[in-house]
Amino acid sequence: MSQIVNREFDLGQMKPLKNTDGQVMDKYIPRKCSITSKVIGPNDYASVQVFIPDVDEQGRVRHEAGTGFKFAVSGYLRNKGRSNYEIEKLLRSKAYFPLRD
């Protein structure tokens, strides 16, 4: 059975998952940690994904496509206790966090 799966990967013909009724189900879409650029596995329950929206002058969220900033942090960094520092660095690089005087 594993040979069939590997062969599909080799041929680039992966089929979507189907349930018992024959309906196409969503495939798993892997995420990458925005800080380490490593793939976050499906069993990494300590990982988080955060969305920072853009706001207008009145403080209302903009709903246009492409606005805002989404990032993911792996459970490895959170377990090490470095996630706050790394998130702050990431937000500063995207100018979502004020620079220190």
PDB file of N, CA and C in Angstrom:
ATOM      1  N   MET A   1       0.819  -1.196   0.000  1.00  0.00           N
ATOM      2  CA  MET A   1       0.000   0.000   0.000  1.00  0.00           C
ATOM      3  C   MET A   1       0.860   1.255   0.000  1.00  0.00           C
ATOM      4  N   SER A   2       1.969   1.257   0.777  1.00  0.00           N
ATOM      5  CA  SER A   2       2.814   2.444   0.814  1.00  0.00           C
ATOM      6  C   SER A   2       3.501   2.676  -0.524  1.00  0.00           C
ATOM      7  N   GLN A   3       3.703   1.593  -1.316  1.00  0.00           N
ATOM      8  CA  GLN A   3       4.309   1.768  -2.631  1.00  0.00           C
ATOM      9  C   GLN A   3       3.392   2.557  -3.554  1.00  0.00           C
ATOM     10  N   ILE A   4       2.095   2.375  -3.437  1.00  0.00           N
ATOM     11  CA  ILE A   4       1.140   3.109  -4.269  1.00  0.00           C
ATOM     12  C   ILE A   4       1.187   4.594  -3.924  1.00  0.00           C
ATOM     13  N   VAL A   5       1.245   4.917  -2.643  1.00  0.00           N
ATOM     14  CA  VAL A   5       1.289   6.312  -2.224  1.00  0.00           C
ATOM     15  C   VAL A   5       2.575   6.953  -2.717  1.00  0.00           C
ATOM     16  N   ASN A   6       3.719   6.280  -2.521  1.00  0.00           N
ATOM     17  CA  ASN A   6       4.988   6.828  -2.982  1.00  0.00           C
ATOM     18  C   ASN A   6       5.006   6.987  -4.492  1.00  0.00           C
ATOM     19  N   ARG A   7       4.404   6.063  -5.209  1.00  0.00           N
ATOM     20  CA  ARG A   7       4.348   6.161  -6.666  1.00  0.00           C
ATOM     21  C   ARG A   7       3.519   7.374  -7.080  1.00  0.00           C
ATOM     22  N   GLU A   8       2.428   7.641  -6.390  1.00  0.00           N
ATOM     23  CA  GLU A   8       1.621   8.826  -6.703  1.00  0.00           C
ATOM     24  C   GLU A   8       2.418  10.092  -6.452  1.00  0.00           C
ATOM     25  N   PHE A   9       3.194  10.105  -5.372  1.00  0.00           N
ATOM     26  CA  PHE A   9       4.035  11.275  -5.117  1.00  0.00           C
ATOM     27  C   PHE A   9       5.070  11.442  -6.227  1.00  0.00           C
ATOM     28  N   ASP A  10       5.687  10.332  -6.636  1.00  0.00           N
ATOM     29  CA  ASP A  10       6.710  10.401  -7.683  1.00  0.00           C
ATOM     30  C   ASP A  10       6.137  10.885  -9.003  1.00  0.00           C
ATOM     31  N   LEU A  11       4.931  10.476  -9.340  1.00  0.00           N
ATOM     32  CA  LEU A  11       4.314  10.860 -10.605  1.00  0.00           C
ATOM     33  C   LEU A  11       3.632  12.221 -10.533  1.00  0.00           C
ATOM     34  N   GLY A  12       3.480  12.768  -9.340  1.00  0.00           N
ATOM     35  CA  GLY A  12       2.806  14.055  -9.195  1.00  0.00           C
ATOM     36  C   GLY A  12       1.318  13.964  -9.437  1.00  0.00           C
ATOM     37  N   GLN A  13       0.725  12.822  -9.134  1.00  0.00           N
ATOM     38  CA  GLN A  13      -0.694  12.607  -9.394  1.00  0.00           C
ATOM     39  C   GLN A  13      -1.467  12.366  -8.108  1.00  0.00           C
ATOM     40  N   MET A  14      -1.179  13.128  -7.085  1.00  0.00           N
ATOM     41  CA  MET A  14      -1.908  12.946  -5.833  1.00  0.00           C
ATOM     42  C   MET A  14      -3.367  13.325  -6.032  1.00  0.00           C
ATOM     43  N   LYS A  15      -4.250  12.477  -5.588  1.00  0.00           N
ATOM     44  CA  LYS A  15      -5.685  12.700  -5.725  1.00  0.00           C
ATOM     45  C   LYS A  15      -6.235  13.275  -4.425  1.00  0.00           C
ATOM     46  N   PRO A  16      -7.283  14.083  -4.502  1.00  0.00           N
ATOM     47  CA  PRO A  16      -7.874  14.597  -3.268  1.00  0.00           C
ATOM     48  C   PRO A  16      -8.542  13.473  -2.479  1.00  0.00           C
ATOM     49  N   LEU A  17      -8.669  13.682  -1.194  1.00  0.00           N
ATOM     50  CA  LEU A  17      -9.316  12.704  -0.327  1.00  0.00           C
ATOM     51  C   LEU A  17     -10.822  12.701  -0.573  1.00  0.00           C
ATOM     52  N   LYS A  18     -11.417  11.497  -0.533  1.00  0.00           N
ATOM     53  CA  LYS A  18     -12.865  11.363  -0.708  1.00  0.00           C
ATOM     54  C   LYS A  18     -13.422  10.594   0.472  1.00  0.00           C
ATOM     55  N   ASN A  19     -14.639  10.954   0.865  1.00  0.00           N
ATOM     56  CA  ASN A  19     -15.286  10.227   1.953  1.00  0.00           C
ATOM     57  C   ASN A  19     -16.034   9.022   1.375  1.00  0.00           C
ATOM     58  N   THR A  20     -16.775   8.315   2.212  1.00  0.00           N
ATOM     59  CA  THR A  20     -17.458   7.097   1.759  1.00  0.00           C
ATOM     60  C   THR A  20     -18.574   7.386   0.760  1.00  0.00           C
ATOM     61  N   ASP A  21     -19.097   8.623   0.724  1.00  0.00           N
ATOM     62  CA  ASP A  21     -20.133   8.989  -0.235  1.00  0.00           C
ATOM     63  C   ASP A  21     -19.554   9.432  -1.571  1.00  0.00           C
ATOM     64  N   GLY A  22     -18.219   9.489  -1.678  1.00  0.00           N
ATOM     65  CA  GLY A  22     -17.587   9.906  -2.917  1.00  0.00           C
ATOM     66  C   GLY A  22     -17.394  11.410  -3.041  1.00  0.00           C
ATOM     67  N   GLN A  23     -17.685  12.161  -1.981  1.00  0.00           N
ATOM     68  CA  GLN A  23     -17.497  13.611  -2.020  1.00  0.00           C
ATOM     69  C   GLN A  23     -16.036  13.941  -1.762  1.00  0.00           C
ATOM     70  N   VAL A  24     -15.511  14.912  -2.511  1.00  0.00           N
ATOM     71  CA  VAL A  24     -14.125  15.328  -2.337  1.00  0.00           C
ATOM     72  C   VAL A  24     -13.996  16.120  -1.043  1.00  0.00           C
ATOM     73  N   MET A  25     -13.059  15.715  -0.203  1.00  0.00           N
ATOM     74  CA  MET A  25     -12.806  16.396   1.061  1.00  0.00           C
ATOM     75  C   MET A  25     -11.554  17.258   0.915  1.00  0.00           C
ATOM     76  N   ASP A  26     -11.395  18.237   1.796  1.00  0.00           N
ATOM     77  CA  ASP A  26     -10.213  19.099   1.748  1.00  0.00           C
ATOM     78  C   ASP A  26      -8.958  18.296   2.024  1.00  0.00           C
ATOM     79  N   LYS A  27      -7.899  18.631   1.325  1.00  0.00           N
ATOM     80  CA  LYS A  27      -6.609  18.018   1.590  1.00  0.00           C
ATOM     81  C   LYS A  27      -5.906  18.810   2.677  1.00  0.00           C
ATOM     82  N   TYR A  28      -4.995  18.172   3.351  1.00  0.00           N
ATOM     83  CA  TYR A  28      -4.197  18.839   4.382  1.00  0.00           C
ATOM     84  C   TYR A  28      -3.239  19.809   3.704  1.00  0.00           C
ATOM     85  N   ILE A  29      -3.233  21.055   4.134  1.00  0.00           N
ATOM     86  CA  ILE A  29      -2.330  22.062   3.606  1.00  0.00           C
ATOM     87  C   ILE A  29      -1.311  22.370   4.691  1.00  0.00           C
ATOM     88  N   PRO A  30      -0.067  21.966   4.497  1.00  0.00           N
ATOM     89  CA  PRO A  30       0.922  22.216   5.546  1.00  0.00           C
ATOM     90  C   PRO A  30       1.254  23.685   5.686  1.00  0.00           C
ATOM     91  N   ARG A  31       1.596  24.083   6.901  1.00  0.00           N
ATOM     92  CA  ARG A  31       2.014  25.455   7.189  1.00  0.00           C
ATOM     93  C   ARG A  31       3.497  25.444   7.510  1.00  0.00           C
ATOM     94  N   LYS A  32       4.134  26.588   7.292  1.00  0.00           N
ATOM     95  CA  LYS A  32       5.538  26.742   7.650  1.00  0.00           C
ATOM     96  C   LYS A  32       5.640  27.760   8.771  1.00  0.00           C
ATOM     97  N   CYS A  33       6.554  27.503   9.684  1.00  0.00           N
ATOM     98  CA  CYS A  33       6.821  28.459  10.747  1.00  0.00           C
ATOM     99  C   CYS A  33       7.415  29.713  10.116  1.00  0.00           C
ATOM    100  N   SER A  34       6.872  30.851  10.433  1.00  0.00           N
ATOM    101  CA  SER A  34       7.334  32.110   9.851  1.00  0.00           C
ATOM    102  C   SER A  34       8.711  32.500  10.360  1.00  0.00           C
ATOM    103  N   ILE A  35       9.153  31.908  11.435  1.00  0.00           N
ATOM    104  CA  ILE A  35      10.432  32.279  12.030  1.00  0.00           C
ATOM    105  C   ILE A  35      11.537  31.314  11.611  1.00  0.00           C
ATOM    106  N   THR A  36      11.276  30.008  11.691  1.00  0.00           N
ATOM    107  CA  THR A  36      12.302  29.026  11.350  1.00  0.00           C
ATOM    108  C   THR A  36      12.183  28.504   9.928  1.00  0.00           C
ATOM    109  N   SER A  37      11.080  28.759   9.253  1.00  0.00           N
ATOM    110  CA  SER A  37      10.796  28.276   7.895  1.00  0.00           C
ATOM    111  C   SER A  37      10.735  26.759   7.808  1.00  0.00           C
ATOM    112  N   LYS A  38      10.457  26.100   8.912  1.00  0.00           N
ATOM    113  CA  LYS A  38      10.284  24.645   8.910  1.00  0.00           C
ATOM    114  C   LYS A  38       8.800  24.320   8.838  1.00  0.00           C
ATOM    115  N   VAL A  39       8.480  23.193   8.220  1.00  0.00           N
ATOM    116  CA  VAL A  39       7.089  22.777   8.084  1.00  0.00           C
ATOM    117  C   VAL A  39       6.536  22.395   9.448  1.00  0.00           C
ATOM    118  N   ILE A  40       5.346  22.879   9.756  1.00  0.00           N
ATOM    119  CA  ILE A  40       4.663  22.541  11.006  1.00  0.00           C
ATOM    120  C   ILE A  40       3.829  21.294  10.748  1.00  0.00           C
ATOM    121  N   GLY A  41       4.118  20.246  11.474  1.00  0.00           N
ATOM    122  CA  GLY A  41       3.430  18.980  11.276  1.00  0.00           C
ATOM    123  C   GLY A  41       1.984  19.020  11.746  1.00  0.00           C
ATOM    124  N   PRO A  42       1.175  18.077  11.278  1.00  0.00           N
ATOM    125  CA  PRO A  42      -0.236  18.065  11.660  1.00  0.00           C
ATOM    126  C   PRO A  42      -0.463  17.739  13.132  1.00  0.00           C
ATOM    127  N   ASN A  43       0.511  17.158  13.806  1.00  0.00           N
ATOM    128  CA  ASN A  43       0.357  16.810  15.219  1.00  0.00           C
ATOM    129  C   ASN A  43       1.037  17.796  16.150  1.00  0.00           C
ATOM    130  N   ASP A  44       1.476  18.939  15.630  1.00  0.00           N
ATOM    131  CA  ASP A  44       2.093  19.972  16.461  1.00  0.00           C
ATOM    132  C   ASP A  44       0.981  20.832  17.052  1.00  0.00           C
ATOM    133  N   TYR A  45       0.434  20.372  18.166  1.00  0.00           N
ATOM    134  CA  TYR A  45      -0.718  21.039  18.770  1.00  0.00           C
ATOM    135  C   TYR A  45      -0.323  22.304  19.537  1.00  0.00           C
ATOM    136  N   ALA A  46       0.960  22.530  19.744  1.00  0.00           N
ATOM    137  CA  ALA A  46       1.411  23.731  20.439  1.00  0.00           C
ATOM    138  C   ALA A  46       1.628  24.894  19.482  1.00  0.00           C
ATOM    139  N   SER A  47       1.544  24.649  18.175  1.00  0.00           N
ATOM    140  CA  SER A  47       1.751  25.730  17.212  1.00  0.00           C
ATOM    141  C   SER A  47       0.527  26.644  17.163  1.00  0.00           C
ATOM    142  N   VAL A  48       0.771  27.899  16.777  1.00  0.00           N
ATOM    143  CA  VAL A  48      -0.307  28.875  16.662  1.00  0.00           C
ATOM    144  C   VAL A  48      -0.177  29.605  15.334  1.00  0.00           C
ATOM    145  N   GLN A  49      -1.295  30.102  14.850  1.00  0.00           N
ATOM    146  CA  GLN A  49      -1.319  30.941  13.671  1.00  0.00           C
ATOM    147  C   GLN A  49      -2.075  32.211  14.037  1.00  0.00           C
ATOM    148  N   VAL A  50      -1.476  33.365  13.730  1.00  0.00           N
ATOM    149  CA  VAL A  50      -2.022  34.654  14.146  1.00  0.00           C
ATOM    150  C   VAL A  50      -2.222  35.521  12.911  1.00  0.00           C
ATOM    151  N   PHE A  51      -3.335  36.253  12.882  1.00  0.00           N
ATOM    152  CA  PHE A  51      -3.605  37.197  11.805  1.00  0.00           C
ATOM    153  C   PHE A  51      -3.674  38.593  12.404  1.00  0.00           C
ATOM    154  N   ILE A  52      -2.851  39.509  11.879  1.00  0.00           N
ATOM    155  CA  ILE A  52      -2.841  40.905  12.306  1.00  0.00           C
ATOM    156  C   ILE A  52      -3.501  41.704  11.192  1.00  0.00           C
ATOM    157  N   PRO A  53      -4.705  42.252  11.403  1.00  0.00           N
ATOM    158  CA  PRO A  53      -5.391  42.971  10.326  1.00  0.00           C
ATOM    159  C   PRO A  53      -4.874  44.396  10.157  1.00  0.00           C
ATOM    160  N   ASP A  54      -5.049  44.939   8.961  1.00  0.00           N
ATOM    161  CA  ASP A  54      -4.812  46.363   8.727  1.00  0.00           C
ATOM    162  C   ASP A  54      -6.048  47.123   9.190  1.00  0.00           C
ATOM    163  N   VAL A  55      -5.835  48.306   9.744  1.00  0.00           N
ATOM    164  CA  VAL A  55      -6.951  49.133  10.185  1.00  0.00           C
ATOM    165  C   VAL A  55      -6.866  50.503   9.509  1.00  0.00           C
ATOM    166  N   ASP A  56      -8.015  51.164   9.370  1.00  0.00           N
ATOM    167  CA  ASP A  56      -8.027  52.500   8.785  1.00  0.00           C
ATOM    168  C   ASP A  56      -7.836  53.546   9.882  1.00  0.00           C
ATOM    169  N   GLU A  57      -7.989  54.824   9.524  1.00  0.00           N
ATOM    170  CA  GLU A  57      -7.758  55.912  10.467  1.00  0.00           C
ATOM    171  C   GLU A  57      -8.722  55.897  11.650  1.00  0.00           C
ATOM    172  N   GLN A  58      -9.927  55.352  11.462  1.00  0.00           N
ATOM    173  CA  GLN A  58     -10.911  55.277  12.546  1.00  0.00           C
ATOM    174  C   GLN A  58     -10.740  54.012  13.397  1.00  0.00           C
ATOM    175  N   GLY A  59      -9.789  53.169  13.064  1.00  0.00           N
ATOM    176  CA  GLY A  59      -9.561  51.958  13.832  1.00  0.00           C
ATOM    177  C   GLY A  59     -10.394  50.782  13.385  1.00  0.00           C
ATOM    178  N   ARG A  60     -11.045  50.870  12.225  1.00  0.00           N
ATOM    179  CA  ARG A  60     -11.851  49.761  11.703  1.00  0.00           C
ATOM    180  C   ARG A  60     -10.994  48.857  10.826  1.00  0.00           C
ATOM    181  N   VAL A  61     -11.291  47.585  10.858  1.00  0.00           N
ATOM    182  CA  VAL A  61     -10.533  46.608  10.079  1.00  0.00           C
ATOM    183  C   VAL A  61     -10.844  46.775   8.599  1.00  0.00           C
ATOM    184  N   ARG A  62      -9.797  46.778   7.778  1.00  0.00           N
ATOM    185  CA  ARG A  62      -9.972  46.810   6.326  1.00  0.00           C
ATOM    186  C   ARG A  62     -10.228  45.394   5.841  1.00  0.00           C
ATOM    187  N   HIS A  63     -11.212  45.248   4.966  1.00  0.00           N
ATOM    188  CA  HIS A  63     -11.597  43.918   4.495  1.00  0.00           C
ATOM    189  C   HIS A  63     -11.175  43.663   3.055  1.00  0.00           C
ATOM    190  N   GLU A  64     -10.297  44.514   2.508  1.00  0.00           N
ATOM    191  CA  GLU A  64      -9.833  44.277   1.145  1.00  0.00           C
ATOM    192  C   GLU A  64      -8.908  43.059   1.113  1.00  0.00           C
ATOM    193  N   ALA A  65      -8.877  42.401  -0.028  1.00  0.00           N
ATOM    194  CA  ALA A  65      -7.997  41.245  -0.181  1.00  0.00           C
ATOM    195  C   ALA A  65      -6.540  41.693  -0.144  1.00  0.00           C
ATOM    196  N   GLY A  66      -5.715  40.917   0.496  1.00  0.00           N
ATOM    197  CA  GLY A  66      -4.296  41.224   0.565  1.00  0.00           C
ATOM    198  C   GLY A  66      -3.889  42.143   1.690  1.00  0.00           C
ATOM    199  N   THR A  67      -4.826  42.544   2.534  1.00  0.00           N
ATOM    200  CA  THR A  67      -4.470  43.397   3.664  1.00  0.00           C
ATOM    201  C   THR A  67      -4.264  42.527   4.893  1.00  0.00           C
ATOM    202  N   GLY A  68      -3.448  42.986   5.774  1.00  0.00           N
ATOM    203  CA  GLY A  68      -3.169  42.239   6.994  1.00  0.00           C
ATOM    204  C   GLY A  68      -1.924  41.393   6.848  1.00  0.00           C
ATOM    205  N   PHE A  69      -1.587  40.716   7.928  1.00  0.00           N
ATOM    206  CA  PHE A  69      -0.366  39.932   7.998  1.00  0.00           C
ATOM    207  C   PHE A  69      -0.649  38.680   8.803  1.00  0.00           C
ATOM    208  N   LYS A  70      -0.400  37.527   8.211  1.00  0.00           N
ATOM    209  CA  LYS A  70      -0.636  36.246   8.872  1.00  0.00           C
ATOM    210  C   LYS A  70       0.705  35.550   9.069  1.00  0.00           C
ATOM    211  N   PHE A  71       0.910  34.993  10.247  1.00  0.00           N
ATOM    212  CA  PHE A  71       2.127  34.233  10.488  1.00  0.00           C
ATOM    213  C   PHE A  71       1.837  33.062  11.408  1.00  0.00           C
ATOM    214  N   ALA A  72       2.697  32.067  11.328  1.00  0.00           N
ATOM    215  CA  ALA A  72       2.567  30.863  12.145  1.00  0.00           C
ATOM    216  C   ALA A  72       3.834  30.681  12.968  1.00  0.00           C
ATOM    217  N   VAL A  73       3.667  30.190  14.186  1.00  0.00           N
ATOM    218  CA  VAL A  73       4.788  29.929  15.084  1.00  0.00           C
ATOM    219  C   VAL A  73       4.717  28.469  15.504  1.00  0.00           C
ATOM    220  N   SER A  74       5.810  27.766  15.340  1.00  0.00           N
ATOM    221  CA  SER A  74       5.834  26.339  15.663  1.00  0.00           C
ATOM    222  C   SER A  74       5.815  26.121  17.170  1.00  0.00           C
ATOM    223  N   GLY A  75       5.384  24.939  17.547  1.00  0.00           N
ATOM    224  CA  GLY A  75       5.368  24.564  18.952  1.00  0.00           C
ATOM    225  C   GLY A  75       6.761  24.457  19.534  1.00  0.00           C
ATOM    226  N   TYR A  76       7.749  24.153  18.688  1.00  0.00           N
ATOM    227  CA  TYR A  76       9.139  24.063  19.146  1.00  0.00           C
ATOM    228  C   TYR A  76       9.590  25.389  19.751  1.00  0.00           C
ATOM    229  N   LEU A  77       9.340  26.502  19.038  1.00  0.00           N
ATOM    230  CA  LEU A  77       9.735  27.814  19.564  1.00  0.00           C
ATOM    231  C   LEU A  77       8.943  28.182  20.807  1.00  0.00           C
ATOM    232  N   ARG A  78       7.675  27.830  20.828  1.00  0.00           N
ATOM    233  CA  ARG A  78       6.861  28.141  21.999  1.00  0.00           C
ATOM    234  C   ARG A  78       7.341  27.351  23.213  1.00  0.00           C
ATOM    235  N   ASN A  79       7.740  26.105  23.015  1.00  0.00           N
ATOM    236  CA  ASN A  79       8.251  25.294  24.126  1.00  0.00           C
ATOM    237  C   ASN A  79       9.584  25.813  24.639  1.00  0.00           C
ATOM    238  N   LYS A  80      10.383  26.405  23.755  1.00  0.00           N
ATOM    239  CA  LYS A  80      11.675  26.967  24.154  1.00  0.00           C
ATOM    240  C   LYS A  80      11.522  28.293  24.889  1.00  0.00           C
ATOM    241  N   GLY A  81      10.325  28.899  24.837  1.00  0.00           N
ATOM    242  CA  GLY A  81      10.093  30.171  25.506  1.00  0.00           C
ATOM    243  C   GLY A  81      10.596  31.364  24.717  1.00  0.00           C
ATOM    244  N   ARG A  82      10.821  31.182  23.419  1.00  0.00           N
ATOM    245  CA  ARG A  82      11.339  32.258  22.594  1.00  0.00           C
ATOM    246  C   ARG A  82      10.279  32.865  21.681  1.00  0.00           C
ATOM    247  N   SER A  83       9.059  32.432  21.782  1.00  0.00           N
ATOM    248  CA  SER A  83       8.053  32.885  20.816  1.00  0.00           C
ATOM    249  C   SER A  83       7.747  34.375  20.946  1.00  0.00           C
ATOM    250  N   ASN A  84       7.671  34.899  22.157  1.00  0.00           N
ATOM    251  CA  ASN A  84       7.383  36.332  22.318  1.00  0.00           C
ATOM    252  C   ASN A  84       8.453  37.194  21.679  1.00  0.00           C
ATOM    253  N   TYR A  85       9.704  36.854  21.913  1.00  0.00           N
ATOM    254  CA  TYR A  85      10.817  37.606  21.345  1.00  0.00           C
ATOM    255  C   TYR A  85      10.804  37.519  19.817  1.00  0.00           C
ATOM    256  N   GLU A  86      10.595  36.336  19.286  1.00  0.00           N
ATOM    257  CA  GLU A  86      10.610  36.138  17.829  1.00  0.00           C
ATOM    258  C   GLU A  86       9.408  36.803  17.167  1.00  0.00           C
ATOM    259  N   ILE A  87       8.245  36.761  17.798  1.00  0.00           N
ATOM    260  CA  ILE A  87       7.064  37.443  17.248  1.00  0.00           C
ATOM    261  C   ILE A  87       7.301  38.948  17.220  1.00  0.00           C
ATOM    262  N   GLU A  88       7.900  39.479  18.270  1.00  0.00           N
ATOM    263  CA  GLU A  88       8.193  40.911  18.301  1.00  0.00           C
ATOM    264  C   GLU A  88       9.162  41.283  17.184  1.00  0.00           C
ATOM    265  N   LYS A  89      10.202  40.481  16.964  1.00  0.00           N
ATOM    266  CA  LYS A  89      11.144  40.743  15.870  1.00  0.00           C
ATOM    267  C   LYS A  89      10.444  40.706  14.518  1.00  0.00           C
ATOM    268  N   LEU A  90       9.563  39.739  14.340  1.00  0.00           N
ATOM    269  CA  LEU A  90       8.827  39.598  13.077  1.00  0.00           C
ATOM    270  C   LEU A  90       7.912  40.791  12.844  1.00  0.00           C
ATOM    271  N   LEU A  91       7.201  41.228  13.876  1.00  0.00           N
ATOM    272  CA  LEU A  91       6.308  42.376  13.741  1.00  0.00           C
ATOM    273  C   LEU A  91       7.086  43.673  13.507  1.00  0.00           C
ATOM    274  N   ARG A  92       8.237  43.817  14.132  1.00  0.00           N
ATOM    275  CA  ARG A  92       9.061  45.002  13.891  1.00  0.00           C
ATOM    276  C   ARG A  92       9.565  45.033  12.453  1.00  0.00           C
ATOM    277  N   SER A  93       9.924  43.885  11.900  1.00  0.00           N
ATOM    278  CA  SER A  93      10.418  43.854  10.519  1.00  0.00           C
ATOM    279  C   SER A  93       9.327  44.204   9.520  1.00  0.00           C
ATOM    280  N   LYS A  94       8.069  43.956   9.869  1.00  0.00           N
ATOM    281  CA  LYS A  94       6.950  44.293   8.991  1.00  0.00           C
ATOM    282  C   LYS A  94       6.330  45.642   9.335  1.00  0.00           C
ATOM    283  N   ALA A  95       6.928  46.385  10.274  1.00  0.00           N
ATOM    284  CA  ALA A  95       6.483  47.703  10.715  1.00  0.00           C
ATOM    285  C   ALA A  95       5.071  47.670  11.326  1.00  0.00           C
ATOM    286  N   TYR A  96       4.720  46.567  11.985  1.00  0.00           N
ATOM    287  CA  TYR A  96       3.456  46.471  12.710  1.00  0.00           C
ATOM    288  C   TYR A  96       3.643  46.750  14.189  1.00  0.00           C
ATOM    289  N   PHE A  97       4.871  46.940  14.622  1.00  0.00           N
ATOM    290  CA  PHE A  97       5.181  47.147  16.031  1.00  0.00           C
ATOM    291  C   PHE A  97       6.040  48.400  16.110  1.00  0.00           C
ATOM    292  N   PRO A  98       5.757  49.329  17.015  1.00  0.00           N
ATOM    293  CA  PRO A  98       6.544  50.576  17.042  1.00  0.00           C
ATOM    294  C   PRO A  98       7.989  50.318  17.436  1.00  0.00           C
ATOM    295  N   LEU A  99       8.883  51.063  16.816  1.00  0.00           N
ATOM    296  CA  LEU A  99      10.289  50.960  17.162  1.00  0.00           C
ATOM    297  C   LEU A  99      10.556  51.659  18.478  1.00  0.00           C
ATOM    298  N   ARG A 100      11.542  51.182  19.192  1.00  0.00           N
ATOM    299  CA  ARG A 100      11.896  51.789  20.487  1.00  0.00           C
ATOM    300  C   ARG A 100      12.664  53.085  20.232  1.00  0.00           C
ATOM    301  N   ASP A 101      12.511  54.025  21.148  1.00  0.00           N
ATOM    302  CA  ASP A 101      13.244  55.300  21.045  1.00  0.00           C
ATOM    303  C   ASP A 101      14.638  55.175  21.588  1.00  0.00           C
TER     304      ASP A 101
END
